Amino acid sequence: MRSGFRRSWTLVVGVAVAAVAVAVVAGGATARPAQTGSVCVLLPDTKSSVRWEQFDKPAFVKAFKKAGIKATVVNALNDPQKQLAQAEQCISAGAKVGIITSLDTGTSIAIQKKFTAVGGKTIDYDRQIVGGTGSVYVSFDGNQVGRIQARGVLAGMKAKGTYGPNGVLAQLWGGPTDANAFWFKSGNDDVLNPLFRGKKVKKGPAKFVPEWDAKNAQTIFEQFLVRTNNRIDGAVAANDNIAGAVVATLKAKGLKPIALSGQDATVQGVQNIISGWQTNTVYKYVPAEANAAIAAAIALYKGKKPPSNSTRPNGKRKQPTMVIPVVSITKANYTRLFKDRFLKRSDVCSGTYKKFCK
């Protein structure tokens, strides 16, 4: 299974890099005057995940600089109106291509309309803008993310001996205004709902976590524990921030670890995995997604069709989509993150967690 993932991942990265190279070469070969305008990358926040500043931003800055294309990369800090203002500033400065990680559907559609009004194009990055006009949607495979999370929790429950008709499995989905949260949930549902119906495992409390915020997640999980008299044997957590809130709550109440999923392969998530407090996380190699978005942006910048490998429903149309594969990370294979230079061993294997590292 892993070797298939490596092949598909390598292919996606190869396609993206090749597209960037072709776009840059094409720009150098043309006899037209120098291109005007630029690319505007609108990142969402620092709360839902550390990835936006730690991984996405550096990847965009480096790649566009290498391609010789002026790019502005900004973060809205979880404020949709701030993101709208950032887009307006980009457009005023000549931006013709927008890469948007949506915070709010209505605001994101307004941003897309502003780009369209000046003859520009937009890309839905990581989160689909439902009802929007993005030329392409670039994202990791959301349904597969959800399936990996659910399977990880089930495997964890079996390992702890809590899987069965009386085993309570709770779910903490992502932000309800984020289309990705529903895509991830669809994968959870595909795996778990047949088991709930067949009474193979007991369906516990479930709720979306507003803004993907860890504080909101902690409050919700505390309520779950009250409702179940502290009887939760496994929990699907939509990402590592939410999983971290679950871990903090369990520790604060003096409860034992449960089977627990995550997403993003963060330092905290991996530390929770190696110390036995989290079962798995979903590894999304951010540079592969960023490279795909960069390739799409350069194609649009040059007036060409952006690369895609599938389509996703978006309202009444089928939106061209570049889907990037994902993989499960557990205690058995977490060192892959160091080999891929996604995380530093020194960051993960520090302090009290050093003794858990291989």
Protein backbone atom coordinates (compact mmCIF):
# COMPACT_ATOMS: atom_id res chain seq x y z
CA MET A 1 0.00 0.00 0.00
CA ARG A 2 2.76 2.42 0.92
CA SER A 3 4.71 1.77 -2.26
CA GLY A 4 1.62 2.62 -4.31
CA PHE A 5 1.29 5.84 -2.38
CA ARG A 6 4.93 6.73 -3.03
CA ARG A 7 4.46 6.14 -6.78
CA SER A 8 1.30 8.26 -6.99
CA TRP A 9 2.80 10.96 -4.79
CA THR A 10 5.94 11.07 -6.88
CA LEU A 11 3.82 11.32 -10.02
CA VAL A 12 1.79 14.25 -8.62
CA VAL A 13 4.90 16.13 -7.52
CA GLY A 14 6.54 15.37 -10.85
CA VAL A 15 3.57 16.71 -12.80
CA ALA A 16 3.50 19.88 -10.69
CA VAL A 17 7.22 20.52 -11.00
CA ALA A 18 7.15 19.79 -14.71
CA ALA A 19 4.26 22.20 -15.18
CA VAL A 20 6.18 24.92 -13.34
CA ALA A 21 9.23 24.29 -15.51
CA VAL A 22 7.19 24.38 -18.72
CA ALA A 23 5.50 27.60 -17.68
CA VAL A 24 8.78 29.30 -16.87
CA VAL A 25 10.40 28.13 -20.10
CA ALA A 26 7.37 29.27 -22.08
CA GLY A 27 7.64 32.69 -20.46
CA GLY A 28 11.28 32.94 -21.50
CA ALA A 29 10.67 31.80 -25.09
CA THR A 30 7.84 34.20 -25.93
CA ALA A 31 8.46 37.40 -27.88
CA ARG A 32 5.71 39.26 -26.02
CA PRO A 33 6.56 42.16 -23.69
CA ALA A 34 7.26 41.33 -20.06
CA GLN A 35 4.25 40.02 -18.14
CA THR A 36 2.44 42.41 -15.82
CA GLY A 37 0.44 41.53 -12.75
CA SER A 38 1.23 39.00 -10.07
CA VAL A 39 -0.06 36.12 -7.96
CA CYS A 40 -1.80 36.63 -4.62
CA VAL A 41 -1.82 33.77 -2.09
CA LEU A 42 -4.46 34.15 0.60
CA LEU A 43 -3.85 31.83 3.56
CA PRO A 44 -6.52 31.47 6.27
CA ASP A 45 -5.16 31.52 9.81
CA THR A 46 -2.69 30.22 12.36
CA LYS A 47 -5.33 28.53 14.56
CA SER A 48 -6.66 25.65 12.47
CA SER A 49 -3.16 24.31 11.81
CA VAL A 50 0.49 25.30 12.06
CA ARG A 51 0.98 24.21 8.46
CA TRP A 52 -0.03 27.52 6.85
CA GLU A 53 2.92 29.49 8.21
CA GLN A 54 5.40 26.66 8.71
CA PHE A 55 4.99 24.84 5.41
CA ASP A 56 2.66 26.50 2.88
CA LYS A 57 4.00 30.05 3.06
CA PRO A 58 7.70 29.17 2.65
CA ALA A 59 6.87 26.79 -0.23
CA PHE A 60 4.96 29.50 -2.12
CA VAL A 61 7.54 32.22 -1.51
CA LYS A 62 10.43 30.02 -2.64
CA ALA A 63 8.72 28.59 -5.74
CA PHE A 64 7.39 31.85 -7.14
CA LYS A 65 10.73 33.54 -6.56
CA LYS A 66 12.43 30.72 -8.46
CA ALA A 67 9.88 31.06 -11.27
CA GLY A 68 10.55 34.80 -11.50
CA ILE A 69 6.94 35.72 -10.78
CA LYS A 70 6.01 38.40 -8.27
CA ALA A 71 3.82 36.90 -5.54
CA THR A 72 2.26 38.21 -2.37
CA VAL A 73 1.63 35.63 0.38
CA VAL A 74 -0.53 36.81 3.29
CA ASN A 75 -2.44 35.29 6.19
CA ALA A 76 -5.89 36.53 7.24
CA LEU A 77 -5.50 35.37 10.86
CA ASN A 78 -8.98 33.83 10.84
CA ASP A 79 -10.70 37.08 9.80
CA PRO A 80 -12.76 36.79 6.57
CA GLN A 81 -12.99 40.57 6.19
CA LYS A 82 -9.24 40.87 6.59
CA GLN A 83 -8.85 38.28 3.83
CA LEU A 84 -11.17 40.33 1.60
CA ALA A 85 -9.13 43.46 2.29
CA GLN A 86 -5.91 41.57 1.53
CA ALA A 87 -7.37 40.44 -1.79
CA GLU A 88 -8.38 43.99 -2.66
CA GLN A 89 -4.86 45.20 -1.91
CA CYS A 90 -3.40 42.47 -4.12
CA ILE A 91 -5.73 43.35 -7.00
CA SER A 92 -4.94 47.06 -6.64
CA ALA A 93 -1.26 46.13 -6.92
CA GLY A 94 -1.92 44.26 -10.17
CA ALA A 95 -2.58 40.67 -9.10
CA LYS A 96 -4.31 38.61 -11.80
CA VAL A 97 -4.25 35.17 -10.15
CA GLY A 98 -5.54 34.44 -6.65
CA ILE A 99 -4.83 31.28 -4.66
CA ILE A 100 -7.50 31.22 -1.96
CA THR A 101 -7.77 29.09 1.16
CA SER A 102 -11.30 29.93 2.15
CA LEU A 103 -12.38 31.11 5.59
CA ASP A 104 -15.97 31.91 4.69
CA THR A 105 -17.85 30.88 1.54
CA GLY A 106 -19.61 34.20 0.98
CA THR A 107 -16.45 36.25 1.44
CA SER A 108 -14.44 33.88 -0.77
CA ILE A 109 -16.99 34.15 -3.58
CA ALA A 110 -16.82 37.95 -3.25
CA ILE A 111 -13.03 37.73 -3.60
CA GLN A 112 -13.37 35.58 -6.71
CA LYS A 113 -15.76 38.11 -8.25
CA LYS A 114 -13.25 40.89 -7.65
CA PHE A 115 -10.57 38.91 -9.50
CA THR A 116 -12.99 38.16 -12.34
CA ALA A 117 -13.86 41.85 -12.61
CA VAL A 118 -10.25 42.66 -13.54
CA GLY A 119 -9.91 39.72 -15.89
CA GLY A 120 -8.22 37.52 -13.29
CA LYS A 121 -8.55 33.88 -12.31
CA THR A 122 -8.65 32.07 -8.98
CA ILE A 123 -7.66 28.72 -7.53
CA ASP A 124 -9.45 26.99 -4.63
CA TYR A 125 -6.56 25.90 -2.42
CA ASP A 126 -7.07 23.06 0.08
CA ARG A 127 -10.69 24.11 0.71
CA GLN A 128 -13.28 24.13 -2.05
CA ILE A 129 -15.29 27.34 -2.43
CA VAL A 130 -18.74 25.86 -2.95
CA GLY A 131 -20.73 27.89 -5.46
CA GLY A 132 -17.60 29.74 -6.50
CA THR A 133 -15.85 30.15 -9.83
CA GLY A 134 -12.36 28.77 -9.15
CA SER A 135 -10.62 27.57 -12.30
CA VAL A 136 -9.25 24.56 -10.45
CA TYR A 137 -9.45 23.03 -6.99
CA VAL A 138 -6.14 21.81 -5.54
CA SER A 139 -6.46 19.60 -2.49
CA PHE A 140 -5.50 16.43 -0.73
CA ASP A 141 -7.96 13.53 -1.02
CA GLY A 142 -10.46 14.49 1.68
CA ASN A 143 -12.48 11.30 1.61
CA GLN A 144 -9.32 9.24 2.01
CA VAL A 145 -8.31 11.46 4.94
CA GLY A 146 -11.57 10.59 6.68
CA ARG A 147 -11.22 6.88 5.95
CA ILE A 148 -7.69 6.78 7.32
CA GLN A 149 -8.81 8.57 10.48
CA ALA A 150 -11.70 6.17 11.08
CA ARG A 151 -9.64 3.05 10.38
CA GLY A 152 -6.90 4.31 12.68
CA VAL A 153 -9.33 4.76 15.57
CA LEU A 154 -10.87 1.33 14.99
CA ALA A 155 -7.43 -0.26 14.94
CA GLY A 156 -6.57 1.58 18.15
CA MET A 157 -9.74 0.37 19.85
CA LYS A 158 -8.99 -3.21 18.83
CA ALA A 159 -5.46 -2.90 20.18
CA LYS A 160 -6.80 -1.62 23.51
CA GLY A 161 -9.54 -4.28 23.67
CA THR A 162 -12.35 -1.71 23.58
CA TYR A 163 -13.72 -2.51 20.11
CA GLY A 164 -17.16 -4.12 20.22
CA PRO A 165 -20.89 -3.43 20.71
CA ASN A 166 -20.19 -1.54 23.94
CA GLY A 167 -17.19 0.40 22.68
CA VAL A 168 -18.13 4.09 22.43
CA LEU A 169 -16.69 6.00 19.48
CA ALA A 170 -17.08 9.80 19.48
CA GLN A 171 -16.41 12.19 16.60
CA LEU A 172 -15.07 15.74 16.51
CA TRP A 173 -15.36 16.99 12.95
CA GLY A 174 -13.76 20.17 11.60
CA GLY A 175 -15.19 23.67 11.19
CA PRO A 176 -18.81 23.69 9.90
CA THR A 177 -18.09 26.58 7.48
CA ASP A 178 -15.27 24.62 5.80
CA ALA A 179 -16.31 22.37 2.90
CA ASN A 180 -13.30 20.17 3.66
CA ALA A 181 -14.75 19.27 7.05
CA PHE A 182 -17.66 17.63 5.25
CA TRP A 183 -15.35 15.91 2.77
CA PHE A 184 -13.34 14.43 5.65
CA LYS A 185 -16.60 13.48 7.39
CA SER A 186 -17.73 11.61 4.26
CA GLY A 187 -14.72 9.32 4.67
CA ASN A 188 -15.50 8.85 8.38
CA ASP A 189 -19.09 7.99 7.46
CA ASP A 190 -18.10 5.52 4.76
CA VAL A 191 -16.13 3.46 7.27
CA LEU A 192 -18.07 3.97 10.50
CA ASN A 193 -21.76 4.17 9.60
CA PRO A 194 -22.01 0.51 8.48
CA LEU A 195 -20.41 -0.51 11.79
CA PHE A 196 -22.79 1.69 13.80
CA ARG A 197 -25.79 0.23 11.95
CA GLY A 198 -24.52 -3.31 12.47
CA LYS A 199 -23.88 -2.60 16.17
CA LYS A 200 -20.25 -3.60 15.78
CA VAL A 201 -19.32 -0.49 17.74
CA LYS A 202 -21.45 2.08 19.58
CA LYS A 203 -21.97 5.53 18.08
CA GLY A 204 -21.01 8.14 20.64
CA PRO A 205 -21.45 11.93 20.68
CA ALA A 206 -20.48 13.77 17.52
CA LYS A 207 -20.14 17.47 16.69
CA PHE A 208 -18.42 19.93 14.36
CA VAL A 209 -15.76 22.11 16.00
CA PRO A 210 -16.28 25.82 15.17
CA GLU A 211 -13.26 27.37 13.46
CA TRP A 212 -11.26 24.16 14.02
CA ASP A 213 -10.31 25.82 17.30
CA ALA A 214 -8.66 23.73 20.02
CA LYS A 215 -10.41 25.63 22.82
CA ASN A 216 -13.78 24.93 21.23
CA ALA A 217 -12.77 21.29 20.82
CA GLN A 218 -11.82 20.99 24.47
CA THR A 219 -15.17 22.40 25.60
CA ILE A 220 -17.04 20.04 23.29
CA PHE A 221 -15.07 16.99 24.39
CA GLU A 222 -15.59 17.86 28.06
CA GLN A 223 -19.35 17.88 27.31
CA PHE A 224 -19.00 14.50 25.58
CA LEU A 225 -17.39 13.05 28.71
CA VAL A 226 -20.18 14.41 30.91
CA ARG A 227 -22.82 12.89 28.59
CA THR A 228 -21.14 9.47 28.61
CA ASN A 229 -19.99 9.46 32.26
CA ASN A 230 -16.37 9.49 31.01
CA ARG A 231 -17.00 6.41 28.86
CA ILE A 232 -15.43 7.19 25.49
CA ASP A 233 -13.18 4.50 24.04
CA GLY A 234 -12.20 6.14 20.77
CA ALA A 235 -12.51 9.51 19.09
CA VAL A 236 -12.15 10.64 15.49
CA ALA A 237 -10.50 14.06 15.78
CA ALA A 238 -10.42 16.01 12.52
CA ASN A 239 -6.85 17.27 12.99
CA ASP A 240 -3.95 17.26 15.42
CA ASN A 241 -5.03 20.52 17.09
CA ILE A 242 -8.38 18.98 17.96
CA ALA A 243 -6.71 15.72 18.99
CA GLY A 244 -4.41 17.74 21.24
CA ALA A 245 -7.46 19.22 22.97
CA VAL A 246 -8.78 15.71 23.57
CA VAL A 247 -5.44 14.63 25.05
CA ALA A 248 -5.29 17.71 27.29
CA THR A 249 -8.80 17.00 28.57
CA LEU A 250 -8.07 13.34 29.29
CA LYS A 251 -4.89 14.24 31.18
CA ALA A 252 -6.63 16.98 33.17
CA LYS A 253 -9.30 14.51 34.30
CA GLY A 254 -6.79 11.76 35.09
CA LEU A 255 -8.21 9.47 32.39
CA LYS A 256 -6.28 6.94 30.35
CA PRO A 257 -5.40 7.34 26.65
CA ILE A 258 -8.05 6.35 24.11
CA ALA A 259 -7.87 5.47 20.43
CA LEU A 260 -7.54 8.85 18.71
CA SER A 261 -6.99 10.13 15.18
CA GLY A 262 -5.62 13.41 13.86
CA GLN A 263 -4.45 15.13 10.70
CA ASP A 264 -1.51 17.24 9.45
CA ALA A 265 1.37 15.31 11.09
CA THR A 266 2.27 18.21 13.36
CA VAL A 267 5.03 18.11 15.97
CA GLN A 268 2.42 17.93 18.72
CA GLY A 269 0.51 15.19 16.92
CA VAL A 270 3.60 13.02 16.48
CA GLN A 271 4.65 13.60 20.09
CA ASN A 272 1.21 12.41 21.19
CA ILE A 273 1.57 9.35 18.96
CA ILE A 274 4.99 8.26 20.21
CA SER A 275 3.96 8.82 23.84
CA GLY A 276 0.83 6.69 23.42
CA TRP A 277 -1.85 9.40 23.58
CA GLN A 278 -2.79 9.45 19.88
CA THR A 279 -3.19 6.51 17.51
CA ASN A 280 -2.52 8.05 14.12
CA THR A 281 -2.38 11.23 12.09
CA VAL A 282 -2.91 11.83 8.39
CA TYR A 283 0.27 12.91 6.65
CA LYS A 284 -0.30 15.44 3.91
CA TYR A 285 2.94 16.37 2.23
CA VAL A 286 2.25 20.10 1.94
CA PRO A 287 4.99 20.85 -0.62
CA ALA A 288 3.21 18.53 -3.07
CA GLU A 289 -0.04 20.46 -2.68
CA ALA A 290 1.72 23.82 -2.85
CA ASN A 291 3.63 22.76 -5.98
CA ALA A 292 0.37 21.71 -7.64
CA ALA A 293 -1.18 25.10 -6.83
CA ILE A 294 1.93 26.88 -8.09
CA ALA A 295 1.78 24.95 -11.36
CA ALA A 296 -1.89 25.89 -11.73
CA ALA A 297 -1.19 29.55 -10.93
CA ILE A 298 1.62 29.79 -13.47
CA ALA A 299 -0.57 28.16 -16.13
CA LEU A 300 -3.35 30.68 -15.47
CA TYR A 301 -0.81 33.51 -15.37
CA LYS A 302 0.29 32.47 -18.86
CA GLY A 303 -3.31 32.18 -20.08
CA LYS A 304 -3.24 28.39 -20.18
CA LYS A 305 -5.41 25.63 -18.75
CA PRO A 306 -4.23 24.52 -15.29
CA PRO A 307 -3.34 20.83 -14.80
CA SER A 308 -5.86 18.55 -13.05
CA ASN A 309 -6.36 14.82 -12.56
CA SER A 310 -10.08 14.62 -11.67
CA THR A 311 -13.22 16.67 -11.06
CA ARG A 312 -15.30 17.51 -7.98
CA PRO A 313 -18.95 18.59 -7.87
CA ASN A 314 -19.30 22.30 -7.24
CA GLY A 315 -22.89 23.43 -7.52
CA LYS A 316 -24.15 22.57 -10.99
CA ARG A 317 -20.70 22.21 -12.51
CA LYS A 318 -17.84 19.77 -12.30
CA GLN A 319 -14.79 21.64 -11.11
CA PRO A 320 -11.38 20.54 -12.46
CA THR A 321 -9.45 19.20 -9.47
CA MET A 322 -5.89 18.19 -8.68
CA VAL A 323 -6.13 15.58 -5.93
CA ILE A 324 -3.02 14.80 -3.87
CA PRO A 325 -2.73 11.41 -2.05
CA VAL A 326 -2.29 11.04 1.73
CA VAL A 327 -0.92 8.40 4.13
CA SER A 328 -1.45 7.30 7.72
CA ILE A 329 1.33 7.92 10.24
CA THR A 330 1.54 5.76 13.38
CA LYS A 331 4.16 4.84 15.93
CA ALA A 332 5.40 2.24 13.43
CA ASN A 333 6.33 4.67 10.63
CA TYR A 334 6.60 8.19 12.09
CA THR A 335 10.33 8.41 11.29
CA ARG A 336 9.33 8.77 7.65
CA LEU A 337 8.51 12.37 8.47
CA PHE A 338 12.17 12.95 9.33
CA LYS A 339 13.38 11.19 6.19
CA ASP A 340 11.05 13.35 4.07
CA ARG A 341 12.35 16.44 5.91
CA PHE A 342 8.76 17.30 6.75
CA LEU A 343 9.57 17.50 10.47
CA LYS A 344 12.86 17.77 12.34
CA ARG A 345 13.78 14.95 14.72
CA SER A 346 15.14 17.57 17.12
CA ASP A 347 11.71 19.26 17.31
CA VAL A 348 9.78 16.04 17.94
CA CYS A 349 12.32 14.23 20.12
CA SER A 350 12.77 16.97 22.67
CA GLY A 351 12.17 17.34 26.40
CA THR A 352 9.97 14.64 27.90
CA TYR A 353 9.37 13.10 24.46
CA LYS A 354 13.02 12.27 23.79
CA LYS A 355 12.74 8.94 25.61
CA PHE A 356 9.96 7.80 23.26
CA CYS A 357 11.93 8.31 20.02
CA LYS A 358 13.55 5.52 18.06
